[in-house]
Amino acid sequence: MKWATNIGRKNLISMGVCVGKFTKSKKFHMQITALDVIQSYSKFKMWIKPNAEQAFLYGNHVSKSGLGRVTENMVQYQGVLLYSMSDIPLGFGVTSKTTQECRRAEPATVIAFHQADTGEYIRSETTLV
């Protein structure tokens, strides 16, 4: 922080962790770089089976067949952190169903909409600044 004061405001792009960007229409899009910040405050979590991890890391939504565990009392369209079965954070998304609806859903039903994943570090490495 002390070193940032030596740089003029017009020349300083960012300082610290970039958690997201504002679009031209003034909407905020959270990026995968915010995962460490969100992880400590997240109440709702989903664990993905090993066979569905690869699909999620390539940007696909999570289906019921790829869901391992889920926290209780989730509501629809709730922000959720997605973990591997070995508790490694993979990304975050938005639930498409409540916890009770998840248990009764068909295997091909989308349970969580993809927002960001750790694979974006490789796919979008030039735009994550």
N, C-alpha and C. Protein backbone atom coordinates (compact mmCIF):
# COMPACT_ATOMS: atom_id res chain seq x y z
N MET A 1 0.82 -1.18 0.00
CA MET A 1 0.00 0.00 0.00
C MET A 1 0.87 1.26 0.00
N LYS A 2 1.99 1.22 0.73
CA LYS A 2 2.88 2.38 0.74
C LYS A 2 3.45 2.65 -0.64
N TRP A 3 3.73 1.59 -1.39
CA TRP A 3 4.32 1.76 -2.71
C TRP A 3 3.32 2.34 -3.70
N ALA A 4 2.04 2.10 -3.50
CA ALA A 4 1.02 2.62 -4.42
C ALA A 4 0.89 4.13 -4.31
N THR A 5 1.27 4.71 -3.17
CA THR A 5 1.17 6.16 -3.03
C THR A 5 2.21 6.88 -3.87
N ASN A 6 3.25 6.18 -4.31
CA ASN A 6 4.26 6.78 -5.16
C ASN A 6 3.83 6.90 -6.62
N ILE A 7 2.72 6.27 -6.97
CA ILE A 7 2.22 6.27 -8.35
C ILE A 7 1.05 7.24 -8.42
N GLY A 8 1.01 8.05 -9.44
CA GLY A 8 -0.06 9.02 -9.62
C GLY A 8 -1.41 8.34 -9.84
N ARG A 9 -2.49 8.99 -9.45
CA ARG A 9 -3.83 8.39 -9.58
C ARG A 9 -4.20 8.06 -11.02
N LYS A 10 -3.76 8.89 -11.96
CA LYS A 10 -4.08 8.64 -13.37
C LYS A 10 -3.35 7.41 -13.90
N ASN A 11 -2.21 7.07 -13.32
CA ASN A 11 -1.42 5.93 -13.78
C ASN A 11 -1.73 4.63 -13.04
N LEU A 12 -2.42 4.70 -11.90
CA LEU A 12 -2.73 3.52 -11.10
C LEU A 12 -3.98 2.84 -11.65
N ILE A 13 -3.84 1.60 -12.07
CA ILE A 13 -4.97 0.84 -12.61
C ILE A 13 -5.73 0.16 -11.49
N SER A 14 -5.03 -0.56 -10.64
CA SER A 14 -5.67 -1.24 -9.53
C SER A 14 -4.64 -1.51 -8.45
N MET A 15 -5.16 -1.79 -7.25
CA MET A 15 -4.29 -2.11 -6.13
C MET A 15 -4.97 -3.20 -5.31
N GLY A 16 -4.26 -4.24 -4.98
CA GLY A 16 -4.85 -5.34 -4.21
C GLY A 16 -5.42 -6.40 -5.13
N VAL A 17 -6.46 -7.07 -4.67
CA VAL A 17 -7.09 -8.14 -5.44
C VAL A 17 -8.24 -7.56 -6.26
N CYS A 18 -8.22 -7.81 -7.54
CA CYS A 18 -9.30 -7.37 -8.42
C CYS A 18 -10.43 -8.39 -8.30
N VAL A 19 -11.55 -7.99 -7.71
CA VAL A 19 -12.65 -8.94 -7.49
C VAL A 19 -13.67 -8.93 -8.62
N GLY A 20 -13.63 -7.95 -9.49
CA GLY A 20 -14.56 -7.91 -10.60
C GLY A 20 -14.40 -6.66 -11.43
N LYS A 21 -15.30 -6.52 -12.38
CA LYS A 21 -15.26 -5.37 -13.27
C LYS A 21 -16.66 -4.82 -13.47
N PHE A 22 -16.74 -3.51 -13.75
CA PHE A 22 -18.00 -2.90 -14.12
C PHE A 22 -18.10 -2.89 -15.63
N THR A 23 -19.29 -3.22 -16.13
CA THR A 23 -19.51 -3.20 -17.57
C THR A 23 -19.88 -1.79 -18.00
N LYS A 24 -20.03 -1.59 -19.29
CA LYS A 24 -20.42 -0.28 -19.80
C LYS A 24 -21.82 0.12 -19.35
N SER A 25 -22.67 -0.88 -19.09
CA SER A 25 -24.02 -0.60 -18.61
C SER A 25 -24.09 -0.52 -17.09
N LYS A 26 -22.94 -0.36 -16.43
CA LYS A 26 -22.82 -0.16 -14.99
C LYS A 26 -23.21 -1.38 -14.15
N LYS A 27 -23.13 -2.58 -14.72
CA LYS A 27 -23.36 -3.81 -13.98
C LYS A 27 -22.02 -4.34 -13.51
N PHE A 28 -22.00 -4.98 -12.35
CA PHE A 28 -20.76 -5.51 -11.80
C PHE A 28 -20.68 -7.00 -12.06
N HIS A 29 -19.60 -7.45 -12.69
CA HIS A 29 -19.37 -8.86 -12.95
C HIS A 29 -18.21 -9.33 -12.08
N MET A 30 -18.52 -10.25 -11.15
CA MET A 30 -17.49 -10.77 -10.27
C MET A 30 -16.64 -11.78 -11.03
N GLN A 31 -15.34 -11.76 -10.77
CA GLN A 31 -14.41 -12.65 -11.45
C GLN A 31 -13.90 -13.72 -10.50
N ILE A 32 -13.24 -14.70 -11.06
CA ILE A 32 -12.71 -15.82 -10.27
C ILE A 32 -11.65 -15.36 -9.28
N THR A 33 -11.04 -14.22 -9.51
CA THR A 33 -10.03 -13.71 -8.58
C THR A 33 -10.64 -13.38 -7.22
N ALA A 34 -11.96 -13.28 -7.14
CA ALA A 34 -12.65 -12.99 -5.88
C ALA A 34 -12.92 -14.25 -5.06
N LEU A 35 -12.53 -15.40 -5.56
CA LEU A 35 -12.84 -16.67 -4.89
C LEU A 35 -12.30 -16.73 -3.46
N ASP A 36 -11.09 -16.28 -3.24
CA ASP A 36 -10.51 -16.32 -1.89
C ASP A 36 -11.27 -15.41 -0.93
N VAL A 37 -11.76 -14.28 -1.42
CA VAL A 37 -12.51 -13.34 -0.59
C VAL A 37 -13.88 -13.91 -0.25
N ILE A 38 -14.56 -14.46 -1.24
CA ILE A 38 -15.92 -15.00 -1.04
C ILE A 38 -15.90 -16.25 -0.17
N GLN A 39 -14.87 -17.04 -0.28
CA GLN A 39 -14.80 -18.34 0.39
C GLN A 39 -15.02 -18.23 1.89
N SER A 40 -14.48 -17.22 2.52
CA SER A 40 -14.60 -17.11 3.97
C SER A 40 -15.99 -16.64 4.41
N TYR A 41 -16.77 -16.05 3.50
CA TYR A 41 -18.09 -15.53 3.87
C TYR A 41 -19.25 -16.36 3.34
N SER A 42 -18.97 -17.40 2.61
CA SER A 42 -20.02 -18.18 1.96
C SER A 42 -20.77 -19.08 2.94
N LYS A 43 -22.09 -19.01 2.91
CA LYS A 43 -22.93 -19.89 3.74
C LYS A 43 -23.34 -21.14 2.97
N PHE A 44 -23.52 -21.00 1.67
CA PHE A 44 -24.06 -22.09 0.87
C PHE A 44 -22.97 -22.66 -0.03
N LYS A 45 -22.87 -24.00 0.01
CA LYS A 45 -21.81 -24.69 -0.73
C LYS A 45 -22.39 -25.92 -1.42
N MET A 46 -21.77 -26.27 -2.53
CA MET A 46 -22.08 -27.51 -3.25
C MET A 46 -20.77 -28.22 -3.52
N TRP A 47 -20.81 -29.53 -3.44
CA TRP A 47 -19.64 -30.34 -3.75
C TRP A 47 -19.93 -31.11 -5.03
N ILE A 48 -18.97 -31.07 -5.95
CA ILE A 48 -19.15 -31.69 -7.27
C ILE A 48 -18.40 -33.01 -7.30
N LYS A 49 -19.02 -34.02 -7.91
CA LYS A 49 -18.38 -35.33 -8.07
C LYS A 49 -17.19 -35.21 -9.01
N PRO A 50 -16.20 -36.09 -8.85
CA PRO A 50 -14.99 -36.02 -9.69
C PRO A 50 -15.27 -36.10 -11.19
N ASN A 51 -16.30 -36.86 -11.59
CA ASN A 51 -16.57 -36.98 -13.03
C ASN A 51 -17.19 -35.70 -13.62
N ALA A 52 -17.70 -34.79 -12.80
CA ALA A 52 -18.29 -33.55 -13.30
C ALA A 52 -17.38 -32.33 -13.11
N GLU A 53 -16.27 -32.52 -12.42
CA GLU A 53 -15.35 -31.39 -12.19
C GLU A 53 -14.81 -30.82 -13.49
N GLN A 54 -14.38 -31.69 -14.38
CA GLN A 54 -13.79 -31.25 -15.65
C GLN A 54 -14.79 -30.41 -16.45
N ALA A 55 -16.05 -30.86 -16.50
CA ALA A 55 -17.07 -30.12 -17.25
C ALA A 55 -17.29 -28.74 -16.64
N PHE A 56 -17.32 -28.66 -15.32
CA PHE A 56 -17.51 -27.36 -14.67
C PHE A 56 -16.32 -26.44 -14.93
N LEU A 57 -15.11 -26.99 -14.89
CA LEU A 57 -13.92 -26.18 -15.11
C LEU A 57 -13.78 -25.70 -16.56
N TYR A 58 -14.55 -26.28 -17.47
CA TYR A 58 -14.59 -25.80 -18.85
C TYR A 58 -15.75 -24.84 -19.09
N GLY A 59 -16.47 -24.48 -18.02
CA GLY A 59 -17.52 -23.46 -18.15
C GLY A 59 -18.93 -23.97 -18.27
N ASN A 60 -19.18 -25.25 -18.02
CA ASN A 60 -20.53 -25.80 -18.11
C ASN A 60 -21.25 -25.70 -16.77
N HIS A 61 -22.59 -25.72 -16.83
CA HIS A 61 -23.39 -25.72 -15.62
C HIS A 61 -23.29 -27.07 -14.92
N VAL A 62 -23.72 -27.13 -13.65
CA VAL A 62 -23.67 -28.37 -12.87
C VAL A 62 -25.04 -29.04 -12.91
N SER A 63 -25.06 -30.30 -13.33
CA SER A 63 -26.32 -31.05 -13.35
C SER A 63 -26.46 -31.89 -12.08
N LYS A 64 -27.65 -32.44 -11.88
CA LYS A 64 -27.92 -33.24 -10.69
C LYS A 64 -27.02 -34.47 -10.64
N SER A 65 -26.70 -35.04 -11.79
CA SER A 65 -25.85 -36.24 -11.81
C SER A 65 -24.43 -35.94 -11.36
N GLY A 66 -23.99 -34.69 -11.45
CA GLY A 66 -22.65 -34.34 -11.04
C GLY A 66 -22.56 -33.77 -9.64
N LEU A 67 -23.69 -33.71 -8.94
CA LEU A 67 -23.74 -33.13 -7.61
C LEU A 67 -23.45 -34.18 -6.55
N GLY A 68 -22.49 -33.88 -5.67
CA GLY A 68 -22.14 -34.81 -4.60
C GLY A 68 -22.91 -34.52 -3.33
N ARG A 69 -22.69 -33.34 -2.77
CA ARG A 69 -23.38 -32.91 -1.54
C ARG A 69 -23.83 -31.48 -1.72
N VAL A 70 -24.72 -31.06 -0.83
CA VAL A 70 -25.22 -29.69 -0.87
C VAL A 70 -25.58 -29.26 0.55
N THR A 71 -25.39 -27.98 0.88
CA THR A 71 -25.77 -27.51 2.21
C THR A 71 -27.28 -27.38 2.30
N GLU A 72 -27.78 -27.40 3.50
CA GLU A 72 -29.22 -27.34 3.74
C GLU A 72 -29.77 -25.92 3.58
N ASN A 73 -31.06 -25.82 3.35
CA ASN A 73 -31.83 -24.57 3.33
C ASN A 73 -31.38 -23.58 2.27
N MET A 74 -30.97 -24.07 1.10
CA MET A 74 -30.65 -23.17 0.00
C MET A 74 -31.94 -22.76 -0.69
N VAL A 75 -31.99 -21.52 -1.11
CA VAL A 75 -33.15 -21.03 -1.86
C VAL A 75 -32.77 -20.95 -3.34
N GLN A 76 -33.78 -20.79 -4.18
CA GLN A 76 -33.53 -20.69 -5.61
C GLN A 76 -32.85 -19.36 -5.93
N TYR A 77 -31.95 -19.38 -6.90
CA TYR A 77 -31.17 -18.22 -7.36
C TYR A 77 -30.28 -17.63 -6.27
N GLN A 78 -29.75 -18.48 -5.44
CA GLN A 78 -28.84 -18.09 -4.36
C GLN A 78 -27.40 -18.28 -4.83
N GLY A 79 -26.52 -17.38 -4.48
CA GLY A 79 -25.10 -17.54 -4.80
C GLY A 79 -24.54 -18.70 -4.01
N VAL A 80 -23.69 -19.50 -4.65
CA VAL A 80 -23.18 -20.70 -4.02
C VAL A 80 -21.72 -20.92 -4.44
N LEU A 81 -20.93 -21.43 -3.52
CA LEU A 81 -19.54 -21.80 -3.81
C LEU A 81 -19.51 -23.26 -4.20
N LEU A 82 -18.73 -23.61 -5.21
CA LEU A 82 -18.64 -24.98 -5.68
C LEU A 82 -17.27 -25.55 -5.35
N TYR A 83 -17.28 -26.71 -4.70
CA TYR A 83 -16.07 -27.38 -4.25
C TYR A 83 -15.96 -28.75 -4.90
N SER A 84 -14.74 -29.28 -4.97
CA SER A 84 -14.56 -30.68 -5.34
C SER A 84 -14.90 -31.52 -4.10
N MET A 85 -15.00 -32.81 -4.26
CA MET A 85 -15.32 -33.67 -3.13
C MET A 85 -14.20 -33.69 -2.09
N SER A 86 -13.01 -33.25 -2.47
CA SER A 86 -11.90 -33.16 -1.53
C SER A 86 -11.73 -31.74 -0.98
N ASP A 87 -12.80 -30.95 -0.99
CA ASP A 87 -12.86 -29.60 -0.42
C ASP A 87 -11.90 -28.59 -1.05
N ILE A 88 -11.66 -28.71 -2.33
CA ILE A 88 -10.87 -27.71 -3.06
C ILE A 88 -11.85 -26.78 -3.77
N PRO A 89 -11.78 -25.47 -3.53
CA PRO A 89 -12.71 -24.56 -4.20
C PRO A 89 -12.48 -24.51 -5.70
N LEU A 90 -13.55 -24.72 -6.47
CA LEU A 90 -13.45 -24.74 -7.93
C LEU A 90 -14.01 -23.49 -8.58
N GLY A 91 -14.98 -22.85 -7.92
CA GLY A 91 -15.59 -21.67 -8.51
C GLY A 91 -16.86 -21.31 -7.77
N PHE A 92 -17.67 -20.47 -8.42
CA PHE A 92 -18.94 -20.10 -7.82
C PHE A 92 -20.01 -19.99 -8.89
N GLY A 93 -21.25 -20.04 -8.44
CA GLY A 93 -22.38 -20.00 -9.36
C GLY A 93 -23.65 -19.59 -8.64
N VAL A 94 -24.78 -19.85 -9.29
CA VAL A 94 -26.10 -19.51 -8.76
C VAL A 94 -26.96 -20.77 -8.82
N THR A 95 -27.67 -21.06 -7.74
CA THR A 95 -28.52 -22.26 -7.72
C THR A 95 -29.75 -22.06 -8.60
N SER A 96 -30.19 -23.12 -9.22
CA SER A 96 -31.40 -23.04 -10.04
C SER A 96 -32.58 -23.68 -9.32
N LYS A 97 -32.32 -24.37 -8.24
CA LYS A 97 -33.37 -25.05 -7.47
C LYS A 97 -33.09 -24.92 -5.98
N THR A 98 -34.10 -25.15 -5.16
CA THR A 98 -33.91 -25.18 -3.72
C THR A 98 -33.30 -26.53 -3.34
N THR A 99 -32.92 -26.68 -2.08
CA THR A 99 -32.32 -27.94 -1.62
C THR A 99 -33.29 -29.09 -1.80
N GLN A 100 -34.56 -28.88 -1.46
CA GLN A 100 -35.55 -29.95 -1.57
C GLN A 100 -35.81 -30.31 -3.04
N GLU A 101 -35.84 -29.31 -3.92
CA GLU A 101 -36.05 -29.59 -5.34
C GLU A 101 -34.85 -30.31 -5.94
N CYS A 102 -33.65 -30.04 -5.42
CA CYS A 102 -32.44 -30.72 -5.90
C CYS A 102 -32.55 -32.22 -5.66
N ARG A 103 -33.06 -32.60 -4.52
CA ARG A 103 -33.13 -34.02 -4.17
C ARG A 103 -34.15 -34.77 -5.03
N ARG A 104 -35.20 -34.07 -5.49
CA ARG A 104 -36.25 -34.71 -6.28
C ARG A 104 -36.04 -34.55 -7.78
N ALA A 105 -35.01 -33.83 -8.21
CA ALA A 105 -34.81 -33.53 -9.63
C ALA A 105 -34.31 -34.74 -10.40
N GLU A 106 -34.52 -34.70 -11.71
CA GLU A 106 -34.02 -35.73 -12.61
C GLU A 106 -32.50 -35.57 -12.77
N PRO A 107 -31.78 -36.61 -13.14
CA PRO A 107 -30.32 -36.53 -13.23
C PRO A 107 -29.78 -35.49 -14.23
N ALA A 108 -30.52 -35.18 -15.28
CA ALA A 108 -30.04 -34.24 -16.30
C ALA A 108 -30.40 -32.79 -15.99
N THR A 109 -31.11 -32.55 -14.90
CA THR A 109 -31.55 -31.20 -14.55
C THR A 109 -30.37 -30.35 -14.09
N VAL A 110 -30.32 -29.10 -14.57
CA VAL A 110 -29.27 -28.17 -14.15
C VAL A 110 -29.57 -27.70 -12.73
N ILE A 111 -28.61 -27.87 -11.83
CA ILE A 111 -28.77 -27.52 -10.42
C ILE A 111 -28.10 -26.18 -10.10
N ALA A 112 -26.96 -25.91 -10.73
CA ALA A 112 -26.24 -24.66 -10.48
C ALA A 112 -25.77 -24.06 -11.81
N PHE A 113 -26.05 -22.77 -11.97
CA PHE A 113 -25.59 -22.06 -13.16
C PHE A 113 -24.14 -21.61 -12.95
N HIS A 114 -23.33 -21.83 -13.94
CA HIS A 114 -21.91 -21.47 -13.89
C HIS A 114 -21.75 -19.95 -13.92
N GLN A 115 -20.95 -19.41 -13.01
CA GLN A 115 -20.59 -17.99 -13.03
C GLN A 115 -19.10 -17.82 -13.30
N ALA A 116 -18.27 -18.49 -12.52
CA ALA A 116 -16.82 -18.41 -12.69
C ALA A 116 -16.18 -19.68 -12.14
N ASP A 117 -15.04 -20.06 -12.71
CA ASP A 117 -14.32 -21.24 -12.24
C ASP A 117 -12.83 -21.00 -12.34
N THR A 118 -12.06 -21.85 -11.68
CA THR A 118 -10.61 -21.67 -11.65
C THR A 118 -9.96 -21.92 -13.01
N GLY A 119 -10.65 -22.56 -13.92
CA GLY A 119 -10.13 -22.74 -15.27
C GLY A 119 -10.04 -21.44 -16.04
N GLU A 120 -10.70 -20.39 -15.56
CA GLU A 120 -10.64 -19.09 -16.22
C GLU A 120 -9.26 -18.47 -16.12
N TYR A 121 -8.47 -18.88 -15.13
CA TYR A 121 -7.10 -18.38 -15.05
C TYR A 121 -6.33 -18.72 -16.32
N ILE A 122 -6.62 -19.86 -16.91
CA ILE A 122 -5.94 -20.29 -18.13
C ILE A 122 -6.66 -19.75 -19.36
N ARG A 123 -8.00 -19.85 -19.39
CA ARG A 123 -8.76 -19.43 -20.56
C ARG A 123 -8.73 -17.92 -20.78
N SER A 124 -8.78 -17.12 -19.70
CA SER A 124 -8.90 -15.67 -19.83
C SER A 124 -7.76 -14.95 -19.13
N GLU A 125 -6.57 -15.46 -19.25
CA GLU A 125 -5.48 -14.91 -18.47
C GLU A 125 -5.12 -13.48 -18.86
N THR A 126 -5.39 -13.06 -20.08
CA THR A 126 -5.06 -11.70 -20.49
C THR A 126 -6.11 -10.68 -20.05
N THR A 127 -7.34 -11.12 -19.81
CA THR A 127 -8.41 -10.17 -19.45
C THR A 127 -8.72 -10.13 -17.96
N LEU A 128 -8.01 -10.87 -17.14
CA LEU A 128 -8.30 -10.91 -15.70
C LEU A 128 -7.63 -9.79 -14.91
N VAL A 129 -7.15 -8.78 -15.56
CA VAL A 129 -6.47 -7.68 -14.84
C VAL A 129 -7.48 -6.67 -14.39
